[in-house]
């Protein structure tokens, strides 16, 4: 195997690793004022999708709030059927 083939294979492996989130972390400011450290590929994907960048605390609070809303919708429907 020549050096050109090896370098091509190496660049393909690096590209695949970058897709799956093995890149240097970036520091971004959350809307609550906390500094969040996020993988650059995740940051790029979130920006492309138009999602808000959140610190762990804000993300956990949002997920809990969304889960509670879904539970209220689901269990509210169950109670009205009885």
PDB file of N, CA and C in Angstrom:
ATOM      1  N   UNK A   1       0.845  -1.173   0.000  1.00  0.00           N
ATOM      2  CA  UNK A   1       0.000   0.000   0.000  1.00  0.00           C
ATOM      3  C   UNK A   1       0.890   1.235   0.000  1.00  0.00           C
ATOM      4  N   UNK A   2       0.614   2.139  -0.923  1.00  0.00           N
ATOM      5  CA  UNK A   2       1.411   3.348  -1.037  1.00  0.00           C
ATOM      6  C   UNK A   2       1.036   4.396  -0.005  1.00  0.00           C
ATOM      7  N   UNK A   3       1.887   5.404   0.093  1.00  0.00           N
ATOM      8  CA  UNK A   3       1.633   6.464   1.080  1.00  0.00           C
ATOM      9  C   UNK A   3       0.379   7.266   0.723  1.00  0.00           C
ATOM     10  N   UNK A   4       0.075   7.394  -0.586  1.00  0.00           N
ATOM     11  CA  UNK A   4      -1.140   8.107  -0.989  1.00  0.00           C
ATOM     12  C   UNK A   4      -2.389   7.382  -0.500  1.00  0.00           C
ATOM     13  N   UNK A   5      -2.379   6.057  -0.626  1.00  0.00           N
ATOM     14  CA  UNK A   5      -3.531   5.277  -0.172  1.00  0.00           C
ATOM     15  C   UNK A   5      -3.691   5.369   1.345  1.00  0.00           C
ATOM     16  N   UNK A   6      -2.564   5.312   2.053  1.00  0.00           N
ATOM     17  CA  UNK A   6      -2.619   5.408   3.516  1.00  0.00           C
ATOM     18  C   UNK A   6      -3.145   6.770   3.959  1.00  0.00           C
ATOM     19  N   UNK A   7      -2.685   7.830   3.312  1.00  0.00           N
ATOM     20  CA  UNK A   7      -3.156   9.165   3.703  1.00  0.00           C
ATOM     21  C   UNK A   7      -4.638   9.337   3.363  1.00  0.00           C
ATOM     22  N   UNK A   8      -5.091   8.740   2.253  1.00  0.00           N
ATOM     23  CA  UNK A   8      -6.503   8.797   1.895  1.00  0.00           C
ATOM     24  C   UNK A   8      -7.344   8.051   2.931  1.00  0.00           C
ATOM     25  N   UNK A   9      -6.877   6.862   3.336  1.00  0.00           N
ATOM     26  CA  UNK A   9      -7.593   6.086   4.352  1.00  0.00           C
ATOM     27  C   UNK A   9      -7.620   6.834   5.679  1.00  0.00           C
ATOM     28  N   UNK A  10      -6.501   7.449   6.039  1.00  0.00           N
ATOM     29  CA  UNK A  10      -6.412   8.198   7.287  1.00  0.00           C
ATOM     30  C   UNK A  10      -7.389   9.376   7.272  1.00  0.00           C
ATOM     31  N   UNK A  11      -7.485  10.084   6.154  1.00  0.00           N
ATOM     32  CA  UNK A  11      -8.408  11.222   6.083  1.00  0.00           C
ATOM     33  C   UNK A  11      -9.860  10.755   6.150  1.00  0.00           C
ATOM     34  N   UNK A  12     -10.162   9.585   5.576  1.00  0.00           N
ATOM     35  CA  UNK A  12     -11.525   9.048   5.665  1.00  0.00           C
ATOM     36  C   UNK A  12     -11.871   8.707   7.105  1.00  0.00           C
ATOM     37  N   UNK A  13     -10.916   8.105   7.819  1.00  0.00           N
ATOM     38  CA  UNK A  13     -11.146   7.757   9.224  1.00  0.00           C
ATOM     39  C   UNK A  13     -11.360   9.016  10.046  1.00  0.00           C
ATOM     40  N   UNK A  14     -10.557  10.038   9.813  1.00  0.00           N
ATOM     41  CA  UNK A  14     -10.697  11.303  10.545  1.00  0.00           C
ATOM     42  C   UNK A  14     -12.053  11.934  10.249  1.00  0.00           C
ATOM     43  N   UNK A  15     -12.486  11.916   8.975  1.00  0.00           N
ATOM     44  CA  UNK A  15     -13.796  12.461   8.623  1.00  0.00           C
ATOM     45  C   UNK A  15     -14.910  11.713   9.339  1.00  0.00           C
ATOM     46  N   UNK A  16     -14.810  10.375   9.399  1.00  0.00           N
ATOM     47  CA  UNK A  16     -15.829   9.582  10.084  1.00  0.00           C
ATOM     48  C   UNK A  16     -15.846   9.894  11.571  1.00  0.00           C
ATOM     49  N   UNK A  17     -14.676  10.053  12.173  1.00  0.00           N
ATOM     50  CA  UNK A  17     -14.621  10.369  13.598  1.00  0.00           C
ATOM     51  C   UNK A  17     -15.234  11.730  13.878  1.00  0.00           C
ATOM     52  N   UNK A  18     -15.012  12.699  12.995  1.00  0.00           N
ATOM     53  CA  UNK A  18     -15.551  14.038  13.202  1.00  0.00           C
ATOM     54  C   UNK A  18     -17.072  14.034  13.101  1.00  0.00           C
ATOM     55  N   UNK A  19     -17.628  13.175  12.237  1.00  0.00           N
ATOM     56  CA  UNK A  19     -19.074  13.067  12.116  1.00  0.00           C
ATOM     57  C   UNK A  19     -19.672  12.548  13.410  1.00  0.00           C
ATOM     58  N   UNK A  20     -18.981  11.636  14.074  1.00  0.00           N
ATOM     59  CA  UNK A  20     -19.511  11.014  15.282  1.00  0.00           C
ATOM     60  C   UNK A  20     -19.097  11.729  16.554  1.00  0.00           C
ATOM     61  N   UNK A  21     -18.633  12.948  16.482  1.00  0.00           N
ATOM     62  CA  UNK A  21     -18.461  13.764  17.661  1.00  0.00           C
ATOM     63  C   UNK A  21     -17.131  13.675  18.369  1.00  0.00           C
ATOM     64  N   UNK A  22     -16.085  13.251  17.700  1.00  0.00           N
ATOM     65  CA  UNK A  22     -14.781  13.225  18.352  1.00  0.00           C
ATOM     66  C   UNK A  22     -13.968  14.392  17.801  1.00  0.00           C
ATOM     67  N   UNK A  23     -14.310  15.571  18.231  1.00  0.00           N
ATOM     68  CA  UNK A  23     -13.584  16.779  17.842  1.00  0.00           C
ATOM     69  C   UNK A  23     -13.321  17.598  19.101  1.00  0.00           C
ATOM     70  N   UNK A  24     -12.582  18.661  18.948  1.00  0.00           N
ATOM     71  CA  UNK A  24     -12.275  19.512  20.101  1.00  0.00           C
ATOM     72  C   UNK A  24     -13.546  20.187  20.611  1.00  0.00           C
ATOM     73  N   UNK A  25     -13.690  20.300  21.922  1.00  0.00           N
ATOM     74  CA  UNK A  25     -14.882  20.973  22.452  1.00  0.00           C
ATOM     75  C   UNK A  25     -14.811  22.486  22.256  1.00  0.00           C
ATOM     76  N   UNK A  26     -15.977  23.086  22.143  1.00  0.00           N
ATOM     77  CA  UNK A  26     -16.088  24.541  22.032  1.00  0.00           C
ATOM     78  C   UNK A  26     -16.777  25.058  23.287  1.00  0.00           C
ATOM     79  N   UNK A  27     -16.426  26.247  23.705  1.00  0.00           N
ATOM     80  CA  UNK A  27     -17.074  26.873  24.859  1.00  0.00           C
ATOM     81  C   UNK A  27     -18.064  27.899  24.331  1.00  0.00           C
ATOM     82  N   UNK A  28     -19.324  27.735  24.740  1.00  0.00           N
ATOM     83  CA  UNK A  28     -20.375  28.649  24.303  1.00  0.00           C
ATOM     84  C   UNK A  28     -21.126  29.169  25.525  1.00  0.00           C
ATOM     85  N   UNK A  29     -21.738  30.315  25.361  1.00  0.00           N
ATOM     86  CA  UNK A  29     -22.478  30.940  26.449  1.00  0.00           C
ATOM     87  C   UNK A  29     -23.946  30.547  26.359  1.00  0.00           C
ATOM     88  N   UNK A  30     -24.458  29.968  27.426  1.00  0.00           N
ATOM     89  CA  UNK A  30     -25.872  29.599  27.516  1.00  0.00           C
ATOM     90  C   UNK A  30     -26.677  30.860  27.813  1.00  0.00           C
ATOM     91  N   UNK A  31     -27.965  30.834  27.535  1.00  0.00           N
ATOM     92  CA  UNK A  31     -28.791  32.023  27.799  1.00  0.00           C
ATOM     93  C   UNK A  31     -28.917  32.339  29.283  1.00  0.00           C
ATOM     94  N   UNK A  32     -28.615  31.350  30.167  1.00  0.00           N
ATOM     95  CA  UNK A  32     -28.666  31.608  31.616  1.00  0.00           C
ATOM     96  C   UNK A  32     -27.379  32.269  32.102  1.00  0.00           C
ATOM     97  N   UNK A  33     -26.371  32.350  31.227  1.00  0.00           N
ATOM     98  CA  UNK A  33     -25.109  32.980  31.589  1.00  0.00           C
ATOM     99  C   UNK A  33     -23.992  32.002  31.881  1.00  0.00           C
ATOM    100  N   UNK A  34     -24.311  30.709  31.919  1.00  0.00           N
ATOM    101  CA  UNK A  34     -23.291  29.691  32.178  1.00  0.00           C
ATOM    102  C   UNK A  34     -22.515  29.392  30.900  1.00  0.00           C
ATOM    103  N   UNK A  35     -21.267  29.004  31.066  1.00  0.00           N
ATOM    104  CA  UNK A  35     -20.452  28.613  29.923  1.00  0.00           C
ATOM    105  C   UNK A  35     -20.572  27.103  29.759  1.00  0.00           C
ATOM    106  N   UNK A  36     -21.018  26.683  28.579  1.00  0.00           N
ATOM    107  CA  UNK A  36     -21.191  25.262  28.282  1.00  0.00           C
ATOM    108  C   UNK A  36     -20.065  24.811  27.364  1.00  0.00           C
ATOM    109  N   UNK A  37     -19.528  23.641  27.632  1.00  0.00           N
ATOM    110  CA  UNK A  37     -18.489  23.066  26.786  1.00  0.00           C
ATOM    111  C   UNK A  37     -19.137  21.976  25.942  1.00  0.00           C
ATOM    112  N   UNK A  38     -19.201  22.210  24.626  1.00  0.00           N
ATOM    113  CA  UNK A  38     -19.910  21.321  23.714  1.00  0.00           C
ATOM    114  C   UNK A  38     -18.979  20.925  22.580  1.00  0.00           C
ATOM    115  N   UNK A  39     -19.099  19.682  22.165  1.00  0.00           N
ATOM    116  CA  UNK A  39     -18.326  19.177  21.041  1.00  0.00           C
ATOM    117  C   UNK A  39     -18.644  20.003  19.794  1.00  0.00           C
ATOM    118  N   UNK A  40     -17.624  20.337  19.026  1.00  0.00           N
ATOM    119  CA  UNK A  40     -17.811  21.213  17.857  1.00  0.00           C
ATOM    120  C   UNK A  40     -18.765  20.623  16.818  1.00  0.00           C
ATOM    121  N   UNK A  41     -18.727  19.308  16.618  1.00  0.00           N
ATOM    122  CA  UNK A  41     -19.629  18.713  15.630  1.00  0.00           C
ATOM    123  C   UNK A  41     -21.077  18.776  16.114  1.00  0.00           C
ATOM    124  N   UNK A  42     -21.297  18.611  17.412  1.00  0.00           N
ATOM    125  CA  UNK A  42     -22.641  18.740  17.979  1.00  0.00           C
ATOM    126  C   UNK A  42     -23.107  20.185  17.849  1.00  0.00           C
ATOM    127  N   UNK A  43     -22.222  21.116  18.127  1.00  0.00           N
ATOM    128  CA  UNK A  43     -22.540  22.540  18.006  1.00  0.00           C
ATOM    129  C   UNK A  43     -22.938  22.884  16.571  1.00  0.00           C
ATOM    130  N   UNK A  44     -22.175  22.388  15.614  1.00  0.00           N
ATOM    131  CA  UNK A  44     -22.468  22.645  14.199  1.00  0.00           C
ATOM    132  C   UNK A  44     -23.835  22.069  13.825  1.00  0.00           C
ATOM    133  N   UNK A  45     -24.120  20.844  14.270  1.00  0.00           N
ATOM    134  CA  UNK A  45     -25.399  20.204  13.965  1.00  0.00           C
ATOM    135  C   UNK A  45     -26.558  20.979  14.575  1.00  0.00           C
ATOM    136  N   UNK A  46     -26.414  21.398  15.827  1.00  0.00           N
ATOM    137  CA  UNK A  46     -27.479  22.159  16.485  1.00  0.00           C
ATOM    138  C   UNK A  46     -27.723  23.484  15.768  1.00  0.00           C
ATOM    139  N   UNK A  47     -26.657  24.155  15.349  1.00  0.00           N
ATOM    140  CA  UNK A  47     -26.816  25.419  14.618  1.00  0.00           C
ATOM    141  C   UNK A  47     -27.529  25.182  13.293  1.00  0.00           C
ATOM    142  N   UNK A  48     -27.141  24.113  12.576  1.00  0.00           N
ATOM    143  CA  UNK A  48     -27.773  23.798  11.296  1.00  0.00           C
ATOM    144  C   UNK A  48     -29.266  23.513  11.458  1.00  0.00           C
ATOM    145  N   UNK A  49     -29.640  22.898  12.588  1.00  0.00           N
ATOM    146  CA  UNK A  49     -31.043  22.570  12.842  1.00  0.00           C
ATOM    147  C   UNK A  49     -31.815  23.723  13.478  1.00  0.00           C
ATOM    148  N   UNK A  50     -31.103  24.807  13.800  1.00  0.00           N
ATOM    149  CA  UNK A  50     -31.748  25.960  14.410  1.00  0.00           C
ATOM    150  C   UNK A  50     -32.101  25.758  15.876  1.00  0.00           C
ATOM    151  N   UNK A  51     -31.395  24.852  16.539  1.00  0.00           N
ATOM    152  CA  UNK A  51     -31.669  24.581  17.953  1.00  0.00           C
ATOM    153  C   UNK A  51     -30.886  25.529  18.846  1.00  0.00           C
ATOM    154  N   UNK A  52     -31.402  25.731  20.051  1.00  0.00           N
ATOM    155  CA  UNK A  52     -30.761  26.593  21.040  1.00  0.00           C
ATOM    156  C   UNK A  52     -29.647  25.808  21.722  1.00  0.00           C
ATOM    157  N   UNK A  53     -28.521  26.465  21.946  1.00  0.00           N
ATOM    158  CA  UNK A  53     -27.409  25.843  22.664  1.00  0.00           C
ATOM    159  C   UNK A  53     -27.649  26.059  24.152  1.00  0.00           C
ATOM    160  N   UNK A  54     -27.643  24.965  24.917  1.00  0.00           N
ATOM    161  CA  UNK A  54     -27.957  25.042  26.341  1.00  0.00           C
ATOM    162  C   UNK A  54     -26.863  24.394  27.177  1.00  0.00           C
ATOM    163  N   UNK A  55     -26.720  24.878  28.411  1.00  0.00           N
ATOM    164  CA  UNK A  55     -25.839  24.210  29.369  1.00  0.00           C
ATOM    165  C   UNK A  55     -26.587  22.975  29.892  1.00  0.00           C
ATOM    166  N   UNK A  56     -25.907  22.153  30.650  1.00  0.00           N
ATOM    167  CA  UNK A  56     -26.536  20.925  31.162  1.00  0.00           C
ATOM    168  C   UNK A  56     -27.741  21.221  32.042  1.00  0.00           C
ATOM    169  N   UNK A  57     -27.632  22.232  32.875  1.00  0.00           N
ATOM    170  CA  UNK A  57     -28.722  22.565  33.799  1.00  0.00           C
ATOM    171  C   UNK A  57     -29.971  22.990  33.030  1.00  0.00           C
ATOM    172  N   UNK A  58     -29.811  23.887  32.072  1.00  0.00           N
ATOM    173  CA  UNK A  58     -30.956  24.358  31.283  1.00  0.00           C
ATOM    174  C   UNK A  58     -31.556  23.226  30.454  1.00  0.00           C
ATOM    175  N   UNK A  59     -30.698  22.379  29.900  1.00  0.00           N
ATOM    176  CA  UNK A  59     -31.181  21.245  29.106  1.00  0.00           C
ATOM    177  C   UNK A  59     -31.988  20.293  29.975  1.00  0.00           C
ATOM    178  N   UNK A  60     -31.485  19.990  31.163  1.00  0.00           N
ATOM    179  CA  UNK A  60     -32.196  19.092  32.075  1.00  0.00           C
ATOM    180  C   UNK A  60     -33.542  19.682  32.489  1.00  0.00           C
ATOM    181  N   UNK A  61     -33.555  20.981  32.768  1.00  0.00           N
ATOM    182  CA  UNK A  61     -34.813  21.639  33.145  1.00  0.00           C
ATOM    183  C   UNK A  61     -35.814  21.610  31.991  1.00  0.00           C
ATOM    184  N   UNK A  62     -35.334  21.845  30.759  1.00  0.00           N
ATOM    185  CA  UNK A  62     -36.225  21.824  29.589  1.00  0.00           C
ATOM    186  C   UNK A  62     -36.799  20.431  29.377  1.00  0.00           C
ATOM    187  N   UNK A  63     -35.956  19.409  29.478  1.00  0.00           N
ATOM    188  CA  UNK A  63     -36.422  18.037  29.281  1.00  0.00           C
ATOM    189  C   UNK A  63     -37.452  17.667  30.344  1.00  0.00           C
ATOM    190  N   UNK A  64     -37.202  18.038  31.598  1.00  0.00           N
ATOM    191  CA  UNK A  64     -38.154  17.749  32.675  1.00  0.00           C
ATOM    192  C   UNK A  64     -39.488  18.450  32.422  1.00  0.00           C
ATOM    193  N   UNK A  65     -39.424  19.700  31.969  1.00  0.00           N
ATOM    194  CA  UNK A  65     -40.644  20.458  31.682  1.00  0.00           C
ATOM    195  C   UNK A  65     -41.426  19.815  30.530  1.00  0.00           C
ATOM    196  N   UNK A  66     -40.700  19.412  29.459  1.00  0.00           N
ATOM    197  CA  UNK A  66     -41.364  18.782  28.320  1.00  0.00           C
ATOM    198  C   UNK A  66     -41.971  17.440  28.710  1.00  0.00           C
ATOM    199  N   UNK A  67     -41.265  16.680  29.541  1.00  0.00           N
ATOM    200  CA  UNK A  67     -41.783  15.385  29.997  1.00  0.00           C
ATOM    201  C   UNK A  67     -43.048  15.582  30.824  1.00  0.00           C
ATOM    202  N   UNK A  68     -43.037  16.575  31.686  1.00  0.00           N
ATOM    203  CA  UNK A  68     -44.214  16.853  32.511  1.00  0.00           C
ATOM    204  C   UNK A  68     -45.405  17.249  31.639  1.00  0.00           C
ATOM    205  N   UNK A  69     -45.155  18.057  30.602  1.00  0.00           N
ATOM    206  CA  UNK A  69     -46.231  18.449  29.688  1.00  0.00           C
ATOM    207  C   UNK A  69     -46.793  17.236  28.955  1.00  0.00           C
ATOM    208  N   UNK A  70     -45.906  16.351  28.497  1.00  0.00           N
ATOM    209  CA  UNK A  70     -46.362  15.140  27.814  1.00  0.00           C
ATOM    210  C   UNK A  70     -47.144  14.236  28.761  1.00  0.00           C
ATOM    211  N   UNK A  71     -46.660  14.092  29.989  1.00  0.00           N
ATOM    212  CA  UNK A  71     -47.373  13.284  30.984  1.00  0.00           C
ATOM    213  C   UNK A  71     -48.753  13.869  31.263  1.00  0.00           C
ATOM    214  N   UNK A  72     -48.831  15.188  31.403  1.00  0.00           N
ATOM    215  CA  UNK A  72     -50.125  15.837  31.648  1.00  0.00           C
ATOM    216  C   UNK A  72     -51.079  15.609  30.483  1.00  0.00           C
ATOM    217  N   UNK A  73     -50.572  15.722  29.258  1.00  0.00           N
ATOM    218  CA  UNK A  73     -51.414  15.476  28.085  1.00  0.00           C
ATOM    219  C   UNK A  73     -51.898  14.034  28.058  1.00  0.00           C
ATOM    220  N   UNK A  74     -50.985  13.099  28.290  1.00  0.00           N
ATOM    221  CA  UNK A  74     -51.330  11.683  28.207  1.00  0.00           C
ATOM    222  C   UNK A  74     -52.289  11.289  29.324  1.00  0.00           C
ATOM    223  N   UNK A  75     -51.933  11.597  30.554  1.00  0.00           N
ATOM    224  CA  UNK A  75     -52.769  11.194  31.677  1.00  0.00           C
ATOM    225  C   UNK A  75     -54.056  12.005  31.734  1.00  0.00           C
ATOM    226  N   UNK A  76     -54.042  13.201  31.226  1.00  0.00           N
ATOM    227  CA  UNK A  76     -55.260  13.994  31.137  1.00  0.00           C
ATOM    228  C   UNK A  76     -56.253  13.362  30.184  1.00  0.00           C
ATOM    229  N   UNK A  77     -55.759  12.809  29.083  1.00  0.00           N
ATOM    230  CA  UNK A  77     -56.616  12.119  28.118  1.00  0.00           C
ATOM    231  C   UNK A  77     -57.189  10.847  28.735  1.00  0.00           C
ATOM    232  N   UNK A  78     -56.389  10.124  29.500  1.00  0.00           N
ATOM    233  CA  UNK A  78     -56.841   8.886  30.128  1.00  0.00           C
ATOM    234  C   UNK A  78     -57.977   9.168  31.108  1.00  0.00           C
ATOM    235  N   UNK A  79     -57.864  10.230  31.902  1.00  0.00           N
ATOM    236  CA  UNK A  79     -58.879  10.559  32.894  1.00  0.00           C
ATOM    237  C   UNK A  79     -60.190  10.967  32.233  1.00  0.00           C
ATOM    238  N   UNK A  80     -60.112  11.661  31.103  1.00  0.00           N
ATOM    239  CA  UNK A  80     -61.334  12.108  30.441  1.00  0.00           C
ATOM    240  C   UNK A  80     -62.066  10.945  29.769  1.00  0.00           C
ATOM    241  N   UNK A  81     -61.362   9.856  29.438  1.00  0.00           N
ATOM    242  CA  UNK A  81     -61.992   8.699  28.815  1.00  0.00           C
ATOM    243  C   UNK A  81     -62.749   7.848  29.824  1.00  0.00           C
ATOM    244  N   UNK A  82     -62.384   7.913  31.080  1.00  0.00           N
ATOM    245  CA  UNK A  82     -63.008   7.055  32.098  1.00  0.00           C
ATOM    246  C   UNK A  82     -64.363   7.511  32.501  1.00  0.00           C
TER     247      UNK A  82
END
